[in-house]
C-alpha atoms as a PDB file:
ATOM      1  CA  UNK A   1     158.685  69.862 139.373  1.00  0.00           C
ATOM      2  CA  UNK A   2     157.434  73.095 140.953  1.00  0.00           C
ATOM      3  CA  UNK A   3     154.202  74.879 140.017  1.00  0.00           C
ATOM      4  CA  UNK A   4     156.039  77.629 138.092  1.00  0.00           C
ATOM      5  CA  UNK A   5     157.979  75.058 136.089  1.00  0.00           C
ATOM      6  CA  UNK A   6     154.800  73.136 135.394  1.00  0.00           C
ATOM      7  CA  UNK A   7     153.045  76.271 134.170  1.00  0.00           C
ATOM      8  CA  UNK A   8     155.956  77.044 131.845  1.00  0.00           C
ATOM      9  CA  UNK A   9     155.784  73.508 130.463  1.00  0.00           C
ATOM     10  CA  UNK A  10     152.017  73.911 130.071  1.00  0.00           C
ATOM     11  CA  UNK A  11     152.533  77.034 127.944  1.00  0.00           C
ATOM     12  CA  UNK A  12     155.187  75.357 125.800  1.00  0.00           C
ATOM     13  CA  UNK A  13     152.829  72.452 125.117  1.00  0.00           C
ATOM     14  CA  UNK A  14     150.016  74.800 124.132  1.00  0.00           C
ATOM     15  CA  UNK A  15     152.274  76.527 121.616  1.00  0.00           C
ATOM     16  CA  UNK A  16     153.535  73.276 120.103  1.00  0.00           C
ATOM     17  CA  UNK A  17     150.174  71.486 119.912  1.00  0.00           C
ATOM     18  CA  UNK A  18     151.127  68.866 122.481  1.00  0.00           C
ATOM     19  CA  UNK A  19     148.670  67.480 125.037  1.00  0.00           C
ATOM     20  CA  UNK A  20     151.387  65.950 127.208  1.00  0.00           C
ATOM     21  CA  UNK A  21     150.795  68.492 129.967  1.00  0.00           C
ATOM     22  CA  UNK A  22     147.449  66.823 130.736  1.00  0.00           C
ATOM     23  CA  UNK A  23     148.880  63.737 132.413  1.00  0.00           C
ATOM     24  CA  UNK A  24     151.761  65.594 134.066  1.00  0.00           C
ATOM     25  CA  UNK A  25     149.483  68.177 135.697  1.00  0.00           C
ATOM     26  CA  UNK A  26     147.044  65.502 136.883  1.00  0.00           C
ATOM     27  CA  UNK A  27     149.917  63.484 138.296  1.00  0.00           C
ATOM     28  CA  UNK A  28     151.255  66.551 140.094  1.00  0.00           C
ATOM     29  CA  UNK A  29     147.861  67.403 141.569  1.00  0.00           C
ATOM     30  CA  UNK A  30     147.081  63.797 142.493  1.00  0.00           C
ATOM     31  CA  UNK A  31     150.238  63.726 144.642  1.00  0.00           C
ATOM     32  CA  UNK A  32     149.517  67.065 146.321  1.00  0.00           C
ATOM     33  CA  UNK A  33     145.901  66.297 147.223  1.00  0.00           C
ATOM     34  CA  UNK A  34     146.958  63.290 149.276  1.00  0.00           C
ATOM     35  CA  UNK A  35     147.451  65.920 151.954  1.00  0.00           C
ATOM     36  CA  UNK A  36     143.895  66.513 153.214  1.00  0.00           C
ATOM     37  CA  UNK A  37     144.831  70.035 154.347  1.00  0.00           C
ATOM     38  CA  UNK A  38     146.116  71.044 150.939  1.00  0.00           C
ATOM     39  CA  UNK A  39     144.177  73.940 149.378  1.00  0.00           C
ATOM     40  CA  UNK A  40     144.189  73.293 145.631  1.00  0.00           C
ATOM     41  CA  UNK A  41     142.733  76.657 144.640  1.00  0.00           C
ATOM     42  CA  UNK A  42     145.341  78.625 146.581  1.00  0.00           C
ATOM     43  CA  UNK A  43     148.396  76.630 145.578  1.00  0.00           C
ATOM     44  CA  UNK A  44     147.808  75.765 141.908  1.00  0.00           C
ATOM     45  CA  UNK A  45     147.304  78.183 139.037  1.00  0.00           C
ATOM     46  CA  UNK A  46     143.670  78.124 137.851  1.00  0.00           C
ATOM     47  CA  UNK A  47     144.763  77.607 134.247  1.00  0.00           C
ATOM     48  CA  UNK A  48     146.445  74.366 135.264  1.00  0.00           C
ATOM     49  CA  UNK A  49     143.442  73.169 137.244  1.00  0.00           C
ATOM     50  CA  UNK A  50     140.976  74.029 134.487  1.00  0.00           C
ATOM     51  CA  UNK A  51     143.139  72.322 131.866  1.00  0.00           C
ATOM     52  CA  UNK A  52     142.630  69.037 133.722  1.00  0.00           C
ATOM     53  CA  UNK A  53     138.877  69.429 134.102  1.00  0.00           C
ATOM     54  CA  UNK A  54     137.845  70.926 130.773  1.00  0.00           C
ATOM     55  CA  UNK A  55     137.654  67.622 128.890  1.00  0.00           C
ATOM     56  CA  UNK A  56     135.215  66.131 131.416  1.00  0.00           C
ATOM     57  CA  UNK A  57     132.997  69.217 131.254  1.00  0.00           C
ATOM     58  CA  UNK A  58     133.194  69.111 127.473  1.00  0.00           C
ATOM     59  CA  UNK A  59     132.112  65.463 127.324  1.00  0.00           C
ATOM     60  CA  UNK A  60     129.267  66.071 129.768  1.00  0.00           C
ATOM     61  CA  UNK A  61     128.033  69.047 127.750  1.00  0.00           C
ATOM     62  CA  UNK A  62     127.621  66.914 124.627  1.00  0.00           C
ATOM     63  CA  UNK A  63     126.814  63.573 126.274  1.00  0.00           C
ATOM     64  CA  UNK A  64     123.621  63.178 124.208  1.00  0.00           C
ATOM     65  CA  UNK A  65     125.254  63.830 120.849  1.00  0.00           C
ATOM     66  CA  UNK A  66     123.397  62.290 117.912  1.00  0.00           C
ATOM     67  CA  UNK A  67     126.336  60.409 116.410  1.00  0.00           C
ATOM     68  CA  UNK A  68     126.614  56.688 117.127  1.00  0.00           C
ATOM     69  CA  UNK A  69     130.411  56.562 116.973  1.00  0.00           C
ATOM     70  CA  UNK A  70     131.056  59.658 119.068  1.00  0.00           C
ATOM     71  CA  UNK A  71     128.368  58.613 121.539  1.00  0.00           C
ATOM     72  CA  UNK A  72     130.217  55.336 122.102  1.00  0.00           C
ATOM     73  CA  UNK A  73     133.670  56.916 122.189  1.00  0.00           C
ATOM     74  CA  UNK A  74     132.934  59.510 124.866  1.00  0.00           C
ATOM     75  CA  UNK A  75     131.938  56.799 127.349  1.00  0.00           C
ATOM     76  CA  UNK A  76     135.506  55.431 127.431  1.00  0.00           C
ATOM     77  CA  UNK A  77     137.514  56.453 130.541  1.00  0.00           C
ATOM     78  CA  UNK A  78     135.257  59.417 131.287  1.00  0.00           C
ATOM     79  CA  UNK A  79     135.280  59.447 135.107  1.00  0.00           C
ATOM     80  CA  UNK A  80     136.141  62.908 136.417  1.00  0.00           C
ATOM     81  CA  UNK A  81     138.901  62.767 139.017  1.00  0.00           C
ATOM     82  CA  UNK A  82     142.405  64.126 139.596  1.00  0.00           C
ATOM     83  CA  UNK A  83     143.510  60.768 140.991  1.00  0.00           C
ATOM     84  CA  UNK A  84     145.216  58.930 138.160  1.00  0.00           C
ATOM     85  CA  UNK A  85     144.662  55.458 139.622  1.00  0.00           C
ATOM     86  CA  UNK A  86     140.895  56.090 139.766  1.00  0.00           C
ATOM     87  CA  UNK A  87     140.467  56.835 136.059  1.00  0.00           C
ATOM     88  CA  UNK A  88     139.335  53.377 135.031  1.00  0.00           C
ATOM     89  CA  UNK A  89     137.102  51.602 132.543  1.00  0.00           C
ATOM     90  CA  UNK A  90     135.908  48.017 132.973  1.00  0.00           C
ATOM     91  CA  UNK A  91     136.052  47.462 129.209  1.00  0.00           C
ATOM     92  CA  UNK A  92     139.838  47.886 129.055  1.00  0.00           C
ATOM     93  CA  UNK A  93     140.706  44.425 130.303  1.00  0.00           C
ATOM     94  CA  UNK A  94     137.742  42.776 128.588  1.00  0.00           C
ATOM     95  CA  UNK A  95     138.307  43.994 125.047  1.00  0.00           C
ATOM     96  CA  UNK A  96     142.070  44.224 125.391  1.00  0.00           C
ATOM     97  CA  UNK A  97     142.393  40.551 126.281  1.00  0.00           C
ATOM     98  CA  UNK A  98     139.998  39.488 123.513  1.00  0.00           C
ATOM     99  CA  UNK A  99     142.036  41.357 120.910  1.00  0.00           C
ATOM    100  CA  UNK A 100     145.317  39.951 122.216  1.00  0.00           C
ATOM    101  CA  UNK A 101     143.991  36.403 121.969  1.00  0.00           C
ATOM    102  CA  UNK A 102     142.792  36.968 118.404  1.00  0.00           C
ATOM    103  CA  UNK A 103     145.942  38.729 117.226  1.00  0.00           C
ATOM    104  CA  UNK A 104     148.375  36.575 119.165  1.00  0.00           C
ATOM    105  CA  UNK A 105     149.738  39.675 120.892  1.00  0.00           C
ATOM    106  CA  UNK A 106     151.450  39.460 124.277  1.00  0.00           C
ATOM    107  CA  UNK A 107     151.155  43.183 124.882  1.00  0.00           C
ATOM    108  CA  UNK A 108     150.169  44.053 128.456  1.00  0.00           C
ATOM    109  CA  UNK A 109     146.736  45.643 128.890  1.00  0.00           C
ATOM    110  CA  UNK A 110     147.307  48.826 130.844  1.00  0.00           C
ATOM    111  CA  UNK A 111     145.186  51.846 131.747  1.00  0.00           C
ATOM    112  CA  UNK A 112     143.294  54.819 130.344  1.00  0.00           C
ATOM    113  CA  UNK A 113     146.584  56.602 129.631  1.00  0.00           C
ATOM    114  CA  UNK A 114     147.785  54.027 127.128  1.00  0.00           C
ATOM    115  CA  UNK A 115     147.404  54.199 123.354  1.00  0.00           C
ATOM    116  CA  UNK A 116     147.392  50.459 122.657  1.00  0.00           C
ATOM    117  CA  UNK A 117     144.859  49.598 125.335  1.00  0.00           C
ATOM    118  CA  UNK A 118     142.481  52.408 124.379  1.00  0.00           C
ATOM    119  CA  UNK A 119     142.791  51.636 120.654  1.00  0.00           C
ATOM    120  CA  UNK A 120     141.650  48.068 121.336  1.00  0.00           C
ATOM    121  CA  UNK A 121     138.554  49.291 123.192  1.00  0.00           C
ATOM    122  CA  UNK A 122     137.747  51.869 120.489  1.00  0.00           C
ATOM    123  CA  UNK A 123     138.146  49.163 117.850  1.00  0.00           C
ATOM    124  CA  UNK A 124     135.556  46.887 119.450  1.00  0.00           C
ATOM    125  CA  UNK A 125     133.142  49.594 120.534  1.00  0.00           C
ATOM    126  CA  UNK A 126     132.928  51.165 117.085  1.00  0.00           C
ATOM    127  CA  UNK A 127     132.373  47.836 115.358  1.00  0.00           C
ATOM    128  CA  UNK A 128     129.735  46.802 117.882  1.00  0.00           C
ATOM    129  CA  UNK A 129     127.795  50.083 117.764  1.00  0.00           C
ATOM    130  CA  UNK A 130     127.872  50.482 113.977  1.00  0.00           C
ATOM    131  CA  UNK A 131     127.045  46.967 112.817  1.00  0.00           C
ATOM    132  CA  UNK A 132     123.507  46.073 111.907  1.00  0.00           C
ATOM    133  CA  UNK A 133     124.364  42.412 112.256  1.00  0.00           C
ATOM    134  CA  UNK A 134     126.149  41.719 115.512  1.00  0.00           C
ATOM    135  CA  UNK A 135     128.159  38.492 115.631  1.00  0.00           C
ATOM    136  CA  UNK A 136     128.308  36.548 118.842  1.00  0.00           C
ATOM    137  CA  UNK A 137     131.932  37.638 119.366  1.00  0.00           C
ATOM    138  CA  UNK A 138     131.582  41.004 117.543  1.00  0.00           C
ATOM    139  CA  UNK A 139     134.024  39.772 114.872  1.00  0.00           C
ATOM    140  CA  UNK A 140     133.340  36.849 112.551  1.00  0.00           C
ATOM    141  CA  UNK A 141     135.831  34.010 112.046  1.00  0.00           C
ATOM    142  CA  UNK A 142     137.223  35.397 108.784  1.00  0.00           C
ATOM    143  CA  UNK A 143     137.946  38.729 110.456  1.00  0.00           C
ATOM    144  CA  UNK A 144     139.647  37.027 113.388  1.00  0.00           C
ATOM    145  CA  UNK A 145     141.880  35.072 111.038  1.00  0.00           C
ATOM    146  CA  UNK A 146     142.644  38.211 109.038  1.00  0.00           C
ATOM    147  CA  UNK A 147     143.716  40.085 112.206  1.00  0.00           C
ATOM    148  CA  UNK A 148     145.862  37.200 113.370  1.00  0.00           C
ATOM    149  CA  UNK A 149     147.641  37.018 110.023  1.00  0.00           C
ATOM    150  CA  UNK A 150     148.171  40.726 109.486  1.00  0.00           C
ATOM    151  CA  UNK A 151     148.449  42.727 112.699  1.00  0.00           C
ATOM    152  CA  UNK A 152     152.164  42.546 113.440  1.00  0.00           C
ATOM    153  CA  UNK A 153     155.292  44.493 112.537  1.00  0.00           C
ATOM    154  CA  UNK A 154     157.902  43.317 109.995  1.00  0.00           C
ATOM    155  CA  UNK A 155     155.295  41.716 107.738  1.00  0.00           C
ATOM    156  CA  UNK A 156     155.965  44.401 105.126  1.00  0.00           C
ATOM    157  CA  UNK A 157     158.604  47.009 104.399  1.00  0.00           C
ATOM    158  CA  UNK A 158     157.761  50.549 105.481  1.00  0.00           C
ATOM    159  CA  UNK A 159     156.954  51.611 101.909  1.00  0.00           C
ATOM    160  CA  UNK A 160     154.720  48.591 101.364  1.00  0.00           C
ATOM    161  CA  UNK A 161     153.047  49.189 104.753  1.00  0.00           C
ATOM    162  CA  UNK A 162     152.140  52.753 103.806  1.00  0.00           C
ATOM    163  CA  UNK A 163     150.902  51.560 100.409  1.00  0.00           C
ATOM    164  CA  UNK A 164     148.763  48.977 102.208  1.00  0.00           C
ATOM    165  CA  UNK A 165     147.355  51.707 104.468  1.00  0.00           C
ATOM    166  CA  UNK A 166     146.143  53.608 101.396  1.00  0.00           C
ATOM    167  CA  UNK A 167     144.643  50.426  99.952  1.00  0.00           C
ATOM    168  CA  UNK A 168     142.951  49.553 103.243  1.00  0.00           C
ATOM    169  CA  UNK A 169     141.413  53.008 103.383  1.00  0.00           C
ATOM    170  CA  UNK A 170     140.063  52.649  99.843  1.00  0.00           C
ATOM    171  CA  UNK A 171     138.586  49.263 100.754  1.00  0.00           C
ATOM    172  CA  UNK A 172     136.296  50.717 103.412  1.00  0.00           C
ATOM    173  CA  UNK A 173     132.714  50.418 102.179  1.00  0.00           C
ATOM    174  CA  UNK A 174     130.317  53.323 101.769  1.00  0.00           C
ATOM    175  CA  UNK A 175     128.536  52.444 105.026  1.00  0.00           C
ATOM    176  CA  UNK A 176     131.772  52.835 106.949  1.00  0.00           C
ATOM    177  CA  UNK A 177     134.582  51.031 108.666  1.00  0.00           C
ATOM    178  CA  UNK A 178     137.807  51.588 110.536  1.00  0.00           C
ATOM    179  CA  UNK A 179     141.551  51.207 110.411  1.00  0.00           C
ATOM    180  CA  UNK A 180     143.518  50.014 113.418  1.00  0.00           C
ATOM    181  CA  UNK A 181     147.037  51.372 112.981  1.00  0.00           C
ATOM    182  CA  UNK A 182     150.328  51.063 114.844  1.00  0.00           C
ATOM    183  CA  UNK A 183     153.722  52.606 114.247  1.00  0.00           C
ATOM    184  CA  UNK A 184     157.212  52.058 115.564  1.00  0.00           C
ATOM    185  CA  UNK A 185     160.034  54.593 115.578  1.00  0.00           C
ATOM    186  CA  UNK A 186     163.228  53.328 117.123  1.00  0.00           C
ATOM    187  CA  UNK A 187     163.727  50.339 119.373  1.00  0.00           C
ATOM    188  CA  UNK A 188     161.422  51.293 122.242  1.00  0.00           C
ATOM    189  CA  UNK A 189     158.876  53.770 120.921  1.00  0.00           C
ATOM    190  CA  UNK A 190     155.501  53.120 119.338  1.00  0.00           C
ATOM    191  CA  UNK A 191     151.963  54.416 119.049  1.00  0.00           C
ATOM    192  CA  UNK A 192     148.592  52.816 118.255  1.00  0.00           C
ATOM    193  CA  UNK A 193     145.494  54.646 117.031  1.00  0.00           C
ATOM    194  CA  UNK A 194     142.215  54.217 115.152  1.00  0.00           C
ATOM    195  CA  UNK A 195     140.972  55.962 112.014  1.00  0.00           C
ATOM    196  CA  UNK A 196     137.254  55.793 111.300  1.00  0.00           C
ATOM    197  CA  UNK A 197     135.826  56.464 107.865  1.00  0.00           C
ATOM    198  CA  UNK A 198     132.078  56.849 107.761  1.00  0.00           C
ATOM    199  CA  UNK A 199     130.306  60.049 106.764  1.00  0.00           C
ATOM    200  CA  UNK A 200     133.486  61.787 107.971  1.00  0.00           C
ATOM    201  CA  UNK A 201     137.069  60.695 108.664  1.00  0.00           C
ATOM    202  CA  UNK A 202     138.350  60.932 112.237  1.00  0.00           C
ATOM    203  CA  UNK A 203     141.365  59.841 114.247  1.00  0.00           C
ATOM    204  CA  UNK A 204     140.718  58.505 117.757  1.00  0.00           C
ATOM    205  CA  UNK A 205     143.634  58.102 120.149  1.00  0.00           C
ATOM    206  CA  UNK A 206     145.130  58.484 123.593  1.00  0.00           C
ATOM    207  CA  UNK A 207     148.810  58.512 124.514  1.00  0.00           C
ATOM    208  CA  UNK A 208     150.789  56.664 127.163  1.00  0.00           C
ATOM    209  CA  UNK A 209     151.296  58.935 130.181  1.00  0.00           C
ATOM    210  CA  UNK A 210     150.334  61.976 128.096  1.00  0.00           C
ATOM    211  CA  UNK A 211     146.597  62.402 127.522  1.00  0.00           C
ATOM    212  CA  UNK A 212     143.209  60.689 127.692  1.00  0.00           C
ATOM    213  CA  UNK A 213     140.957  59.912 124.758  1.00  0.00           C
ATOM    214  CA  UNK A 214     138.549  62.578 126.029  1.00  0.00           C
ATOM    215  CA  UNK A 215     141.392  65.119 126.042  1.00  0.00           C
ATOM    216  CA  UNK A 216     141.954  64.442 122.360  1.00  0.00           C
ATOM    217  CA  UNK A 217     138.219  64.541 121.544  1.00  0.00           C
ATOM    218  CA  UNK A 218     138.015  67.958 123.201  1.00  0.00           C
ATOM    219  CA  UNK A 219     141.169  69.192 121.470  1.00  0.00           C
ATOM    220  CA  UNK A 220     139.753  68.224 118.062  1.00  0.00           C
ATOM    221  CA  UNK A 221     136.333  69.597 119.069  1.00  0.00           C
ATOM    222  CA  UNK A 222     134.593  66.621 117.455  1.00  0.00           C
ATOM    223  CA  UNK A 223     131.454  67.059 119.554  1.00  0.00           C
ATOM    224  CA  UNK A 224     130.899  70.714 118.704  1.00  0.00           C
ATOM    225  CA  UNK A 225     131.683  69.994 115.045  1.00  0.00           C
ATOM    226  CA  UNK A 226     130.705  66.354 114.371  1.00  0.00           C
ATOM    227  CA  UNK A 227     130.992  66.890 110.615  1.00  0.00           C
ATOM    228  CA  UNK A 228     134.659  67.877 110.917  1.00  0.00           C
ATOM    229  CA  UNK A 229     136.801  65.548 108.824  1.00  0.00           C
ATOM    230  CA  UNK A 230     140.563  64.985 108.710  1.00  0.00           C
ATOM    231  CA  UNK A 231     142.528  65.629 105.529  1.00  0.00           C
ATOM    232  CA  UNK A 232     143.382  62.075 104.531  1.00  0.00           C
ATOM    233  CA  UNK A 233     145.706  63.017 101.663  1.00  0.00           C
ATOM    234  CA  UNK A 234     147.635  65.398 103.891  1.00  0.00           C
ATOM    235  CA  UNK A 235     147.905  62.716 106.577  1.00  0.00           C
ATOM    236  CA  UNK A 236     149.409  60.205 104.144  1.00  0.00           C
ATOM    237  CA  UNK A 237     151.871  62.759 102.772  1.00  0.00           C
ATOM    238  CA  UNK A 238     153.044  63.638 106.289  1.00  0.00           C
ATOM    239  CA  UNK A 239     153.381  59.978 107.281  1.00  0.00           C
ATOM    240  CA  UNK A 240     155.622  59.368 104.286  1.00  0.00           C
ATOM    241  CA  UNK A 241     157.901  62.196 105.424  1.00  0.00           C
ATOM    242  CA  UNK A 242     157.966  60.913 109.006  1.00  0.00           C
ATOM    243  CA  UNK A 243     158.937  57.417 107.896  1.00  0.00           C
ATOM    244  CA  UNK A 244     161.193  58.038 104.907  1.00  0.00           C
ATOM    245  CA  UNK A 245     163.217  61.085 105.966  1.00  0.00           C
ATOM    246  CA  UNK A 246     165.970  61.215 108.560  1.00  0.00           C
ATOM    247  CA  UNK A 247     164.477  62.222 111.899  1.00  0.00           C
ATOM    248  CA  UNK A 248     164.717  65.947 112.622  1.00  0.00           C
ATOM    249  CA  UNK A 249     162.529  68.852 113.778  1.00  0.00           C
ATOM    250  CA  UNK A 250     160.423  68.659 110.618  1.00  0.00           C
ATOM    251  CA  UNK A 251     159.472  65.087 111.483  1.00  0.00           C
ATOM    252  CA  UNK A 252     158.849  66.074 115.088  1.00  0.00           C
ATOM    253  CA  UNK A 253     156.459  68.868 114.123  1.00  0.00           C
ATOM    254  CA  UNK A 254     154.583  66.591 111.729  1.00  0.00           C
ATOM    255  CA  UNK A 255     154.297  63.937 114.435  1.00  0.00           C
ATOM    256  CA  UNK A 256     152.978  66.527 116.888  1.00  0.00           C
ATOM    257  CA  UNK A 257     150.507  67.761 114.295  1.00  0.00           C
ATOM    258  CA  UNK A 258     148.761  64.378 114.045  1.00  0.00           C
ATOM    259  CA  UNK A 259     149.453  62.670 117.381  1.00  0.00           C
ATOM    260  CA  UNK A 260     149.706  65.579 119.873  1.00  0.00           C
ATOM    261  CA  UNK A 261     152.725  64.367 121.829  1.00  0.00           C
ATOM    262  CA  UNK A 262     156.488  64.166 121.363  1.00  0.00           C
ATOM    263  CA  UNK A 263     158.165  60.833 120.627  1.00  0.00           C
ATOM    264  CA  UNK A 264     160.915  59.486 122.837  1.00  0.00           C
ATOM    265  CA  UNK A 265     164.296  61.163 122.295  1.00  0.00           C
ATOM    266  CA  UNK A 266     165.718  57.681 121.706  1.00  0.00           C
ATOM    267  CA  UNK A 267     164.407  57.709 118.146  1.00  0.00           C
ATOM    268  CA  UNK A 268     167.053  60.242 117.183  1.00  0.00           C
ATOM    269  CA  UNK A 269     169.639  57.554 117.889  1.00  0.00           C
ATOM    270  CA  UNK A 270     167.776  54.636 116.316  1.00  0.00           C
ATOM    271  CA  UNK A 271     165.809  56.202 113.476  1.00  0.00           C
ATOM    272  CA  UNK A 272     166.684  53.317 111.167  1.00  0.00           C
ATOM    273  CA  UNK A 273     164.113  51.096 112.892  1.00  0.00           C
ATOM    274  CA  UNK A 274     160.774  52.193 111.458  1.00  0.00           C
ATOM    275  CA  UNK A 275     157.673  50.058 111.148  1.00  0.00           C
ATOM    276  CA  UNK A 276     154.002  50.617 110.416  1.00  0.00           C
ATOM    277  CA  UNK A 277     151.014  48.308 110.226  1.00  0.00           C
ATOM    278  CA  UNK A 278     147.284  48.634 109.674  1.00  0.00           C
ATOM    279  CA  UNK A 279     144.216  46.437 109.395  1.00  0.00           C
ATOM    280  CA  UNK A 280     140.804  47.359 108.008  1.00  0.00           C
ATOM    281  CA  UNK A 281     137.403  46.217 109.244  1.00  0.00           C
ATOM    282  CA  UNK A 282     134.169  47.202 107.529  1.00  0.00           C
ATOM    283  CA  UNK A 283     131.017  47.755 109.559  1.00  0.00           C
END
């Protein structure tokens, strides 16, 4: 892809609410800068360069934010670099493997550009930072058993899964808690994310080969407006449309609205395979 094509794609993403350009631009630049004589400023449009740096500047600007959850979240995968293989976080493997053991999942722990891996780290970090009583393993035995018995697809029908999501949300105590959610659309497409309900309601997520958690935090402007809360009722209504209606542009726009990237085109051919699951943990 040439710079002009990349800039056009960048503009299309901005108009649609997608953050997918983030990873693609960084990948493009990371290849070009392998040439030590390459002049980034002369060859790449400044808008493209700035789009890849803005999230790191944003996080640094608010690094002392007085919000325990946000303060923990912004430390995940926050190293500023254009080199994709150097954006790392030592907690990814640690917490990812712990969750897989507890849940019985065989899912591979990947990198900072991966929804499932990042969701696992967010899950543990939020519980650890918000609990007054910290268990030796962060989770107690009852919670571990609950996760093992409930965090997998096909346990419930899609309608029952969405009903359970509503119930799980209502079961979060006044002092706060979180929902770990995962969805499947088609044979080979899925997404995992976290919803926190405390004094406000927020979604935390990254996307595989699309955007970092910090990109999403900046996009939502959580640090400038820490009291900003998602519309839970609207979220549920849109999820029901995504999962119960035949896949079309309406579904696509709703998906983009909440998750900021486009699903695989394969779901248009296998839209009958739809799954959702969620678990709730109180702080």
